[in-house]
Every structure is written in C-alpha cells, then in structure tokens.
Amino acid sequence: MKLEKQKAPHLGRRPEADLVDDLGLSQWLGISTGTLEQWRFQGLGPRFVKLGGAKRGPVRYLTAEVDAWLHGQTRAQTGAEGRSAA
C-alpha cells in the first residue's frame, strides 16, 4: 500500500473582515472545514459565535479571537502544550 504524503498546513492571508465563516477560517489556517467542526465539538480551536441562537445556526469566528487563539498555540519545544488563550 502506497502512503500519500500530506501537505503541512500553512497560514493563508489574514481576512480583513471582523467575522469569518468556516471556509474563510479554513483557508486562513490551511485546514479543512471538517477539522474546524471537530474542534468546535471537542471544545478545541478558536472561540466562535453561533448566530441566531439556533442549534444549526451559522457559525462565525471573530478574527480577534482567532488571533488570540493563535498566540496561545506558541510553544518553546515540540513536546510542550500551547498556552491557554482563555
């Protein structure tokens, strides 16, 4: 069985808008929208806004919250855990 090499995620251009949707954030962070969905379910990733209060309401991310979360992911060594951005 041949293993395919996966591309490492890379940061795209930071959106200029204050709110971004799943697609915009996935492009910014270089990850899939499915990963963002899993992170929300597991309580990982950046904080998000649920619009309309409905269970299936649209999700948006404040770019300031994403910036704070990214700063909380800094590490001094590979085995270290990221800082909490809470």
C-alpha atoms as a PDB file:
ATOM      1  CA  MET A   1       0.000   0.000   0.000  1.00  0.00           C
ATOM      2  CA  LYS A   2       1.422   3.367  -1.042  1.00  0.00           C
ATOM      3  CA  LEU A   3       1.246   6.146   1.534  1.00  0.00           C
ATOM      4  CA  GLU A   4       0.492   9.588   0.194  1.00  0.00           C
ATOM      5  CA  LYS A   5       2.460  12.500   1.516  1.00  0.00           C
ATOM      6  CA  GLN A   6       0.258  15.108   3.166  1.00  0.00           C
ATOM      7  CA  LYS A   7       0.977  18.776   2.787  1.00  0.00           C
ATOM      8  CA  ALA A   8       1.691  20.575   6.027  1.00  0.00           C
ATOM      9  CA  PRO A   9      -0.877  23.259   6.832  1.00  0.00           C
ATOM     10  CA  HIS A  10       0.209  26.800   6.169  1.00  0.00           C
ATOM     11  CA  LEU A  11      -1.277  30.099   7.193  1.00  0.00           C
ATOM     12  CA  GLY A  12      -3.010  31.932   4.406  1.00  0.00           C
ATOM     13  CA  ARG A  13      -3.722  35.625   4.256  1.00  0.00           C
ATOM     14  CA  ARG A  14      -5.500  37.016   7.322  1.00  0.00           C
ATOM     15  CA  PRO A  15      -9.033  38.150   6.413  1.00  0.00           C
ATOM     16  CA  GLU A  16      -9.715  41.864   6.707  1.00  0.00           C
ATOM     17  CA  ALA A  17     -13.281  41.309   7.922  1.00  0.00           C
ATOM     18  CA  ASP A  18     -14.040  41.153  11.650  1.00  0.00           C
ATOM     19  CA  LEU A  19     -16.089  37.958  11.185  1.00  0.00           C
ATOM     20  CA  VAL A  20     -15.167  34.953   9.048  1.00  0.00           C
ATOM     21  CA  ASP A  21     -17.052  31.769   8.256  1.00  0.00           C
ATOM     22  CA  ASP A  22     -15.741  28.187   8.258  1.00  0.00           C
ATOM     23  CA  LEU A  23     -14.446  28.411   4.707  1.00  0.00           C
ATOM     24  CA  GLY A  24     -12.626  31.690   5.323  1.00  0.00           C
ATOM     25  CA  LEU A  25     -11.018  30.389   8.505  1.00  0.00           C
ATOM     26  CA  SER A  26     -10.069  27.066   6.949  1.00  0.00           C
ATOM     27  CA  GLN A  27      -8.311  28.919   4.125  1.00  0.00           C
ATOM     28  CA  TRP A  28      -6.587  31.229   6.613  1.00  0.00           C
ATOM     29  CA  LEU A  29      -5.327  28.366   8.797  1.00  0.00           C
ATOM     30  CA  GLY A  30      -4.712  25.870   5.984  1.00  0.00           C
ATOM     31  CA  ILE A  31      -7.006  23.212   7.472  1.00  0.00           C
ATOM     32  CA  SER A  32     -10.304  21.660   6.414  1.00  0.00           C
ATOM     33  CA  THR A  33     -13.742  22.865   7.438  1.00  0.00           C
ATOM     34  CA  GLY A  34     -14.262  19.361   8.858  1.00  0.00           C
ATOM     35  CA  THR A  35     -11.355  19.923  11.238  1.00  0.00           C
ATOM     36  CA  LEU A  36     -12.969  23.156  12.428  1.00  0.00           C
ATOM     37  CA  GLU A  37     -16.243  21.308  13.003  1.00  0.00           C
ATOM     38  CA  GLN A  38     -14.442  18.630  15.044  1.00  0.00           C
ATOM     39  CA  TRP A  39     -12.602  21.273  17.054  1.00  0.00           C
ATOM     40  CA  ARG A  40     -15.890  23.014  17.914  1.00  0.00           C
ATOM     41  CA  PHE A  41     -17.436  19.724  19.022  1.00  0.00           C
ATOM     42  CA  GLN A  42     -14.369  18.887  21.153  1.00  0.00           C
ATOM     43  CA  GLY A  43     -14.002  22.393  22.594  1.00  0.00           C
ATOM     44  CA  LEU A  44     -10.701  22.944  20.789  1.00  0.00           C
ATOM     45  CA  GLY A  45      -9.695  25.682  18.396  1.00  0.00           C
ATOM     46  CA  PRO A  46     -10.637  29.339  18.474  1.00  0.00           C
ATOM     47  CA  ARG A  47     -13.787  30.596  20.166  1.00  0.00           C
ATOM     48  CA  PHE A  48     -16.714  31.087  17.800  1.00  0.00           C
ATOM     49  CA  VAL A  49     -20.042  32.881  17.509  1.00  0.00           C
ATOM     50  CA  LYS A  50     -23.286  30.991  16.865  1.00  0.00           C
ATOM     51  CA  LEU A  51     -25.691  33.298  15.030  1.00  0.00           C
ATOM     52  CA  GLY A  52     -29.440  33.185  15.517  1.00  0.00           C
ATOM     53  CA  GLY A  53     -29.277  31.043  18.644  1.00  0.00           C
ATOM     54  CA  ALA A  54     -30.497  28.016  16.701  1.00  0.00           C
ATOM     55  CA  LYS A  55     -28.870  24.634  17.179  1.00  0.00           C
ATOM     56  CA  ARG A  56     -27.950  24.617  13.492  1.00  0.00           C
ATOM     57  CA  GLY A  57     -27.388  28.372  13.237  1.00  0.00           C
ATOM     58  CA  PRO A  58     -24.446  29.633  11.193  1.00  0.00           C
ATOM     59  CA  VAL A  59     -21.050  29.765  12.895  1.00  0.00           C
ATOM     60  CA  ARG A  60     -18.663  32.693  12.555  1.00  0.00           C
ATOM     61  CA  TYR A  61     -15.273  33.463  14.040  1.00  0.00           C
ATOM     62  CA  LEU A  62     -14.128  36.860  15.270  1.00  0.00           C
ATOM     63  CA  THR A  63     -10.696  37.484  13.773  1.00  0.00           C
ATOM     64  CA  ALA A  64      -9.556  38.962  17.111  1.00  0.00           C
ATOM     65  CA  GLU A  65     -10.468  35.663  18.838  1.00  0.00           C
ATOM     66  CA  VAL A  66      -8.565  33.694  16.195  1.00  0.00           C
ATOM     67  CA  ASP A  67      -5.522  35.952  16.678  1.00  0.00           C
ATOM     68  CA  ALA A  68      -5.682  35.359  20.454  1.00  0.00           C
ATOM     69  CA  TRP A  69      -6.026  31.606  19.929  1.00  0.00           C
ATOM     70  CA  LEU A  70      -3.044  31.570  17.558  1.00  0.00           C
ATOM     71  CA  HIS A  71      -0.923  33.391  20.149  1.00  0.00           C
ATOM     72  CA  GLY A  72      -1.965  30.732  22.668  1.00  0.00           C
ATOM     73  CA  GLN A  73      -0.617  27.999  20.398  1.00  0.00           C
ATOM     74  CA  THR A  74       3.013  29.131  20.688  1.00  0.00           C
ATOM     75  CA  ARG A  75       5.442  26.588  22.080  1.00  0.00           C
ATOM     76  CA  ALA A  76       9.070  26.606  23.152  1.00  0.00           C
ATOM     77  CA  GLN A  77       9.592  22.932  22.241  1.00  0.00           C
ATOM     78  CA  THR A  78       7.747  20.209  20.360  1.00  0.00           C
ATOM     79  CA  GLY A  79       6.518  18.315  23.443  1.00  0.00           C
ATOM     80  CA  ALA A  80       5.197  21.416  25.206  1.00  0.00           C
ATOM     81  CA  GLU A  81       1.498  22.217  25.334  1.00  0.00           C
ATOM     82  CA  GLY A  82       0.261  25.528  23.989  1.00  0.00           C
ATOM     83  CA  ARG A  83      -0.680  28.334  26.315  1.00  0.00           C
ATOM     84  CA  SER A  84      -4.342  28.691  27.120  1.00  0.00           C
ATOM     85  CA  ALA A  85      -5.955  31.671  25.421  1.00  0.00           C
ATOM     86  CA  ALA A  86      -8.899  31.678  27.820  1.00  0.00           C
END
